[in-house]
Structures are given as C-alpha cells and as structure tokens.
Amino acid sequence: MTLLLALEPAALRKVLKAGLRQGVADGALRLLMVEAFGWAEDPACCDELLALLRDRGWLVRHGETWKTRLG
C-alpha cells in the first residue's frame, strides 16, 4: 500500500486503486483511464498504459477483470 500511495501522478494511483479488491472490468478500466488522465477516447493510449502496467506486473488479468498487484 505504501508503494501505491507514493506513485505519481495521482491519476495512476486512481487507476491502480480501482483494481485492488474485486478487480475492475476491462471497459470500466479503460473509461477510468480516459477520465483520470483526461485523454480523448483513444484506445491506443489505454492499450499502451495497460501493456506497461501488465509488463511491470502491476495489473494482472483474472478472467474478465483486471487486478492490481503491487510489491
């Protein structure tokens, strides 16, 4: 949790916080990214961030939801 609180920008914390407990569905996660970062609805931005977070191991796909894994 300390790692999550230390992350910048705040929008990244908001996105990762969404997947902590029950996880977040793909569509809801993409909408949250668009809103949190102020992006236009460009799937490429969301895809790139998802790929980076997945590669880092911070977001993991579990069935139909994304779960946050920090630490």
PDB file of N, CA and C in Angstrom:
ATOM      1  N   MET A   1       0.821  -1.187   0.000  1.00  0.00           N
ATOM      2  CA  MET A   1       0.000   0.000   0.000  1.00  0.00           C
ATOM      3  C   MET A   1       0.866   1.253   0.000  1.00  0.00           C
ATOM      4  N   THR A   2       2.026   1.177   0.650  1.00  0.00           N
ATOM      5  CA  THR A   2       2.928   2.323   0.680  1.00  0.00           C
ATOM      6  C   THR A   2       3.381   2.677  -0.728  1.00  0.00           C
ATOM      7  N   LEU A   3       3.657   1.665  -1.530  1.00  0.00           N
ATOM      8  CA  LEU A   3       4.062   1.901  -2.914  1.00  0.00           C
ATOM      9  C   LEU A   3       2.967   2.626  -3.678  1.00  0.00           C
ATOM     10  N   LEU A   4       1.734   2.204  -3.500  1.00  0.00           N
ATOM     11  CA  LEU A   4       0.611   2.834  -4.194  1.00  0.00           C
ATOM     12  C   LEU A   4       0.495   4.302  -3.811  1.00  0.00           C
ATOM     13  N   LEU A   5       0.615   4.606  -2.546  1.00  0.00           N
ATOM     14  CA  LEU A   5       0.484   5.992  -2.088  1.00  0.00           C
ATOM     15  C   LEU A   5       1.606   6.884  -2.591  1.00  0.00           C
ATOM     16  N   ALA A   6       2.757   6.305  -2.889  1.00  0.00           N
ATOM     17  CA  ALA A   6       3.909   7.080  -3.338  1.00  0.00           C
ATOM     18  C   ALA A   6       3.932   7.310  -4.850  1.00  0.00           C
ATOM     19  N   LEU A   7       3.066   6.626  -5.587  1.00  0.00           N
ATOM     20  CA  LEU A   7       3.094   6.738  -7.048  1.00  0.00           C
ATOM     21  C   LEU A   7       2.601   8.095  -7.527  1.00  0.00           C
ATOM     22  N   GLU A   8       3.225   8.592  -8.542  1.00  0.00           N
ATOM     23  CA  GLU A   8       2.808   9.812  -9.227  1.00  0.00           C
ATOM     24  C   GLU A   8       2.650   9.458 -10.697  1.00  0.00           C
ATOM     25  N   PRO A   9       1.744  10.032 -11.383  1.00  0.00           N
ATOM     26  CA  PRO A   9       0.767  11.050 -10.999  1.00  0.00           C
ATOM     27  C   PRO A   9      -0.406  10.432 -10.241  1.00  0.00           C
ATOM     28  N   ALA A  10      -1.223  11.294  -9.680  1.00  0.00           N
ATOM     29  CA  ALA A  10      -2.380  10.855  -8.910  1.00  0.00           C
ATOM     30  C   ALA A  10      -3.319  10.010  -9.767  1.00  0.00           C
ATOM     31  N   ALA A  11      -3.393  10.284 -11.051  1.00  0.00           N
ATOM     32  CA  ALA A  11      -4.267   9.511 -11.948  1.00  0.00           C
ATOM     33  C   ALA A  11      -3.849   8.040 -11.979  1.00  0.00           C
ATOM     34  N   LEU A  12      -2.547   7.776 -11.913  1.00  0.00           N
ATOM     35  CA  LEU A  12      -2.060   6.397 -11.899  1.00  0.00           C
ATOM     36  C   LEU A  12      -2.501   5.703 -10.615  1.00  0.00           C
ATOM     37  N   ARG A  13      -2.426   6.397  -9.502  1.00  0.00           N
ATOM     38  CA  ARG A  13      -2.903   5.830  -8.235  1.00  0.00           C
ATOM     39  C   ARG A  13      -4.388   5.481  -8.334  1.00  0.00           C
ATOM     40  N   LYS A  14      -5.163   6.358  -8.941  1.00  0.00           N
ATOM     41  CA  LYS A  14      -6.604   6.144  -9.079  1.00  0.00           C
ATOM     42  C   LYS A  14      -6.887   4.893  -9.924  1.00  0.00           C
ATOM     43  N   VAL A  15      -6.165   4.728 -11.009  1.00  0.00           N
ATOM     44  CA  VAL A  15      -6.351   3.571 -11.886  1.00  0.00           C
ATOM     45  C   VAL A  15      -5.989   2.282 -11.150  1.00  0.00           C
ATOM     46  N   LEU A  16      -4.864   2.268 -10.470  1.00  0.00           N
ATOM     47  CA  LEU A  16      -4.434   1.058  -9.767  1.00  0.00           C
ATOM     48  C   LEU A  16      -5.324   0.762  -8.559  1.00  0.00           C
ATOM     49  N   LYS A  17      -5.796   1.793  -7.892  1.00  0.00           N
ATOM     50  CA  LYS A  17      -6.677   1.592  -6.739  1.00  0.00           C
ATOM     51  C   LYS A  17      -7.971   0.884  -7.155  1.00  0.00           C
ATOM     52  N   ALA A  18      -8.435   1.137  -8.358  1.00  0.00           N
ATOM     53  CA  ALA A  18      -9.682   0.531  -8.847  1.00  0.00           C
ATOM     54  C   ALA A  18      -9.586  -0.987  -8.901  1.00  0.00           C
ATOM     55  N   GLY A  19      -8.407  -1.529  -9.111  1.00  0.00           N
ATOM     56  CA  GLY A  19      -8.249  -2.976  -9.241  1.00  0.00           C
ATOM     57  C   GLY A  19      -7.831  -3.685  -7.977  1.00  0.00           C
ATOM     58  N   LEU A  20      -7.828  -2.997  -6.846  1.00  0.00           N
ATOM     59  CA  LEU A  20      -7.294  -3.600  -5.624  1.00  0.00           C
ATOM     60  C   LEU A  20      -8.127  -4.745  -5.065  1.00  0.00           C
ATOM     61  N   ARG A  21      -9.369  -4.546  -4.804  1.00  0.00           N
ATOM     62  CA  ARG A  21     -10.150  -5.558  -4.091  1.00  0.00           C
ATOM     63  C   ARG A  21     -10.776  -6.573  -5.042  1.00  0.00           C
ATOM     64  N   GLN A  22     -11.856  -6.206  -5.679  1.00  0.00           N
ATOM     65  CA  GLN A  22     -12.581  -7.143  -6.530  1.00  0.00           C
ATOM     66  C   GLN A  22     -12.095  -7.120  -7.966  1.00  0.00           C
ATOM     67  N   GLY A  23     -11.258  -6.182  -8.303  1.00  0.00           N
ATOM     68  CA  GLY A  23     -10.823  -6.028  -9.672  1.00  0.00           C
ATOM     69  C   GLY A  23     -11.762  -5.097 -10.418  1.00  0.00           C
ATOM     70  N   VAL A  24     -11.418  -4.816 -11.632  1.00  0.00           N
ATOM     71  CA  VAL A  24     -12.218  -3.907 -12.441  1.00  0.00           C
ATOM     72  C   VAL A  24     -12.328  -4.487 -13.850  1.00  0.00           C
ATOM     73  N   ALA A  25     -13.523  -4.411 -14.398  1.00  0.00           N
ATOM     74  CA  ALA A  25     -13.762  -4.932 -15.750  1.00  0.00           C
ATOM     75  C   ALA A  25     -13.001  -4.103 -16.777  1.00  0.00           C
ATOM     76  N   ASP A  26     -12.697  -4.704 -17.900  1.00  0.00           N
ATOM     77  CA  ASP A  26     -11.902  -4.062 -18.949  1.00  0.00           C
ATOM     78  C   ASP A  26     -12.500  -2.725 -19.392  1.00  0.00           C
ATOM     79  N   GLY A  27     -13.776  -2.709 -19.720  1.00  0.00           N
ATOM     80  CA  GLY A  27     -14.421  -1.477 -20.184  1.00  0.00           C
ATOM     81  C   GLY A  27     -14.402  -0.390 -19.131  1.00  0.00           C
ATOM     82  N   ALA A  28     -14.657  -0.761 -17.878  1.00  0.00           N
ATOM     83  CA  ALA A  28     -14.647   0.213 -16.783  1.00  0.00           C
ATOM     84  C   ALA A  28     -13.235   0.747 -16.551  1.00  0.00           C
ATOM     85  N   LEU A  29     -12.229  -0.113 -16.681  1.00  0.00           N
ATOM     86  CA  LEU A  29     -10.842   0.323 -16.502  1.00  0.00           C
ATOM     87  C   LEU A  29     -10.441   1.316 -17.583  1.00  0.00           C
ATOM     88  N   ARG A  30     -10.816   1.040 -18.811  1.00  0.00           N
ATOM     89  CA  ARG A  30     -10.490   1.948 -19.911  1.00  0.00           C
ATOM     90  C   ARG A  30     -11.195   3.297 -19.737  1.00  0.00           C
ATOM     91  N   LEU A  31     -12.442   3.272 -19.317  1.00  0.00           N
ATOM     92  CA  LEU A  31     -13.166   4.511 -19.066  1.00  0.00           C
ATOM     93  C   LEU A  31     -12.514   5.296 -17.931  1.00  0.00           C
ATOM     94  N   LEU A  32     -12.099   4.601 -16.891  1.00  0.00           N
ATOM     95  CA  LEU A  32     -11.411   5.246 -15.775  1.00  0.00           C
ATOM     96  C   LEU A  32     -10.113   5.890 -16.233  1.00  0.00           C
ATOM     97  N   MET A  33      -9.362   5.213 -17.099  1.00  0.00           N
ATOM     98  CA  MET A  33      -8.112   5.776 -17.627  1.00  0.00           C
ATOM     99  C   MET A  33      -8.387   7.056 -18.408  1.00  0.00           C
ATOM    100  N   VAL A  34      -9.396   7.013 -19.253  1.00  0.00           N
ATOM    101  CA  VAL A  34      -9.749   8.187 -20.059  1.00  0.00           C
ATOM    102  C   VAL A  34     -10.085   9.358 -19.143  1.00  0.00           C
ATOM    103  N   GLU A  35     -10.890   9.098 -18.113  1.00  0.00           N
ATOM    104  CA  GLU A  35     -11.294  10.160 -17.190  1.00  0.00           C
ATOM    105  C   GLU A  35     -10.141  10.631 -16.309  1.00  0.00           C
ATOM    106  N   ALA A  36      -9.371   9.700 -15.760  1.00  0.00           N
ATOM    107  CA  ALA A  36      -8.302  10.042 -14.818  1.00  0.00           C
ATOM    108  C   ALA A  36      -7.186  10.840 -15.476  1.00  0.00           C
ATOM    109  N   PHE A  37      -6.834  10.467 -16.707  1.00  0.00           N
ATOM    110  CA  PHE A  37      -5.728  11.135 -17.383  1.00  0.00           C
ATOM    111  C   PHE A  37      -6.183  12.253 -18.307  1.00  0.00           C
ATOM    112  N   GLY A  38      -7.504  12.422 -18.468  1.00  0.00           N
ATOM    113  CA  GLY A  38      -8.011  13.477 -19.341  1.00  0.00           C
ATOM    114  C   GLY A  38      -7.759  13.202 -20.817  1.00  0.00           C
ATOM    115  N   TRP A  39      -7.672  11.927 -21.172  1.00  0.00           N
ATOM    116  CA  TRP A  39      -7.450  11.554 -22.565  1.00  0.00           C
ATOM    117  C   TRP A  39      -8.748  11.624 -23.338  1.00  0.00           C
ATOM    118  N   ALA A  40      -8.610  11.868 -24.636  1.00  0.00           N
ATOM    119  CA  ALA A  40      -9.749  11.658 -25.535  1.00  0.00           C
ATOM    120  C   ALA A  40      -9.933  10.148 -25.625  1.00  0.00           C
ATOM    121  N   GLU A  41     -11.073   9.712 -26.042  1.00  0.00           N
ATOM    122  CA  GLU A  41     -11.315   8.267 -26.105  1.00  0.00           C
ATOM    123  C   GLU A  41     -10.498   7.635 -27.225  1.00  0.00           C
ATOM    124  N   ASP A  42      -9.216   7.500 -26.953  1.00  0.00           N
ATOM    125  CA  ASP A  42      -8.278   6.914 -27.898  1.00  0.00           C
ATOM    126  C   ASP A  42      -7.817   5.571 -27.342  1.00  0.00           C
ATOM    127  N   PRO A  43      -8.248   4.468 -27.951  1.00  0.00           N
ATOM    128  CA  PRO A  43      -7.888   3.159 -27.410  1.00  0.00           C
ATOM    129  C   PRO A  43      -6.383   2.917 -27.368  1.00  0.00           C
ATOM    130  N   ALA A  44      -5.623   3.590 -28.216  1.00  0.00           N
ATOM    131  CA  ALA A  44      -4.175   3.378 -28.239  1.00  0.00           C
ATOM    132  C   ALA A  44      -3.532   3.813 -26.925  1.00  0.00           C
ATOM    133  N   CYS A  45      -3.997   4.912 -26.345  1.00  0.00           N
ATOM    134  CA  CYS A  45      -3.454   5.387 -25.062  1.00  0.00           C
ATOM    135  C   CYS A  45      -3.709   4.355 -23.973  1.00  0.00           C
ATOM    136  N   CYS A  46      -4.928   3.864 -23.898  1.00  0.00           N
ATOM    137  CA  CYS A  46      -5.284   2.869 -22.891  1.00  0.00           C
ATOM    138  C   CYS A  46      -4.511   1.571 -23.106  1.00  0.00           C
ATOM    139  N   ASP A  47      -4.412   1.145 -24.346  1.00  0.00           N
ATOM    140  CA  ASP A  47      -3.691  -0.088 -24.655  1.00  0.00           C
ATOM    141  C   ASP A  47      -2.231   0.017 -24.242  1.00  0.00           C
ATOM    142  N   GLU A  48      -1.618   1.166 -24.502  1.00  0.00           N
ATOM    143  CA  GLU A  48      -0.208   1.351 -24.160  1.00  0.00           C
ATOM    144  C   GLU A  48       0.000   1.330 -22.646  1.00  0.00           C
ATOM    145  N   LEU A  49      -0.857   2.034 -21.910  1.00  0.00           N
ATOM    146  CA  LEU A  49      -0.723   2.040 -20.457  1.00  0.00           C
ATOM    147  C   LEU A  49      -0.999   0.655 -19.881  1.00  0.00           C
ATOM    148  N   LEU A  50      -2.032  -0.024 -20.368  1.00  0.00           N
ATOM    149  CA  LEU A  50      -2.320  -1.381 -19.900  1.00  0.00           C
ATOM    150  C   LEU A  50      -1.128  -2.308 -20.140  1.00  0.00           C
ATOM    151  N   ALA A  51      -0.522  -2.206 -21.309  1.00  0.00           N
ATOM    152  CA  ALA A  51       0.631  -3.055 -21.625  1.00  0.00           C
ATOM    153  C   ALA A  51       1.794  -2.769 -20.675  1.00  0.00           C
ATOM    154  N   LEU A  52       2.050  -1.504 -20.407  1.00  0.00           N
ATOM    155  CA  LEU A  52       3.140  -1.146 -19.494  1.00  0.00           C
ATOM    156  C   LEU A  52       2.877  -1.649 -18.075  1.00  0.00           C
ATOM    157  N   LEU A  53       1.656  -1.461 -17.588  1.00  0.00           N
ATOM    158  CA  LEU A  53       1.311  -1.904 -16.242  1.00  0.00           C
ATOM    159  C   LEU A  53       1.300  -3.425 -16.140  1.00  0.00           C
ATOM    160  N   ARG A  54       0.860  -4.091 -17.198  1.00  0.00           N
ATOM    161  CA  ARG A  54       0.873  -5.558 -17.229  1.00  0.00           C
ATOM    162  C   ARG A  54       2.307  -6.081 -17.256  1.00  0.00           C
ATOM    163  N   ASP A  55       3.160  -5.476 -18.091  1.00  0.00           N
ATOM    164  CA  ASP A  55       4.554  -5.907 -18.180  1.00  0.00           C
ATOM    165  C   ASP A  55       5.290  -5.712 -16.861  1.00  0.00           C
ATOM    166  N   ARG A  56       4.935  -4.659 -16.151  1.00  0.00           N
ATOM    167  CA  ARG A  56       5.559  -4.385 -14.856  1.00  0.00           C
ATOM    168  C   ARG A  56       5.005  -5.303 -13.763  1.00  0.00           C
ATOM    169  N   GLY A  57       3.868  -5.955 -14.053  1.00  0.00           N
ATOM    170  CA  GLY A  57       3.253  -6.865 -13.098  1.00  0.00           C
ATOM    171  C   GLY A  57       2.281  -6.190 -12.151  1.00  0.00           C
ATOM    172  N   TRP A  58       1.950  -4.933 -12.406  1.00  0.00           N
ATOM    173  CA  TRP A  58       1.061  -4.180 -11.520  1.00  0.00           C
ATOM    174  C   TRP A  58      -0.407  -4.435 -11.809  1.00  0.00           C
ATOM    175  N   LEU A  59      -0.747  -4.795 -13.030  1.00  0.00           N
ATOM    176  CA  LEU A  59      -2.114  -5.187 -13.384  1.00  0.00           C
ATOM    177  C   LEU A  59      -2.052  -6.579 -13.997  1.00  0.00           C
ATOM    178  N   VAL A  60      -2.896  -7.460 -13.486  1.00  0.00           N
ATOM    179  CA  VAL A  60      -2.931  -8.852 -13.931  1.00  0.00           C
ATOM    180  C   VAL A  60      -4.365  -9.182 -14.319  1.00  0.00           C
ATOM    181  N   ARG A  61      -4.517  -9.831 -15.446  1.00  0.00           N
ATOM    182  CA  ARG A  61      -5.845 -10.209 -15.932  1.00  0.00           C
ATOM    183  C   ARG A  61      -6.300 -11.478 -15.217  1.00  0.00           C
ATOM    184  N   HIS A  62      -7.500 -11.432 -14.623  1.00  0.00           N
ATOM    185  CA  HIS A  62      -8.125 -12.588 -13.985  1.00  0.00           C
ATOM    186  C   HIS A  62      -9.514 -12.745 -14.576  1.00  0.00           C
ATOM    187  N   GLY A  63      -9.640 -13.600 -15.567  1.00  0.00           N
ATOM    188  CA  GLY A  63     -10.926 -13.774 -16.244  1.00  0.00           C
ATOM    189  C   GLY A  63     -11.350 -12.494 -16.937  1.00  0.00           C
ATOM    190  N   GLU A  64     -12.455 -11.925 -16.500  1.00  0.00           N
ATOM    191  CA  GLU A  64     -12.990 -10.719 -17.122  1.00  0.00           C
ATOM    192  C   GLU A  64     -12.556  -9.438 -16.418  1.00  0.00           C
ATOM    193  N   THR A  65     -11.714  -9.560 -15.404  1.00  0.00           N
ATOM    194  CA  THR A  65     -11.325  -8.360 -14.642  1.00  0.00           C
ATOM    195  C   THR A  65      -9.810  -8.213 -14.568  1.00  0.00           C
ATOM    196  N   TRP A  66      -9.407  -6.988 -14.285  1.00  0.00           N
ATOM    197  CA  TRP A  66      -8.009  -6.662 -14.031  1.00  0.00           C
ATOM    198  C   TRP A  66      -7.844  -6.487 -12.535  1.00  0.00           C
ATOM    199  N   LYS A  67      -6.803  -7.081 -11.980  1.00  0.00           N
ATOM    200  CA  LYS A  67      -6.496  -6.971 -10.555  1.00  0.00           C
ATOM    201  C   LYS A  67      -5.144  -6.297 -10.388  1.00  0.00           C
ATOM    202  N   THR A  68      -5.058  -5.449  -9.377  1.00  0.00           N
ATOM    203  CA  THR A  68      -3.817  -4.755  -9.077  1.00  0.00           C
ATOM    204  C   THR A  68      -2.940  -5.643  -8.202  1.00  0.00           C
ATOM    205  N   ARG A  69      -1.670  -5.732  -8.543  1.00  0.00           N
ATOM    206  CA  ARG A  69      -0.675  -6.485  -7.777  1.00  0.00           C
ATOM    207  C   ARG A  69       0.544  -5.584  -7.603  1.00  0.00           C
ATOM    208  N   LEU A  70       0.744  -5.097  -6.415  1.00  0.00           N
ATOM    209  CA  LEU A  70       1.917  -4.275  -6.139  1.00  0.00           C
ATOM    210  C   LEU A  70       2.779  -4.979  -5.103  1.00  0.00           C
ATOM    211  N   GLY A  71       4.101  -4.927  -5.356  1.00  0.00           N
ATOM    212  CA  GLY A  71       5.007  -5.480  -4.352  1.00  0.00           C
ATOM    213  C   GLY A  71       5.444  -6.837  -4.568  1.00  0.00           C
TER     214      GLY A  71
END
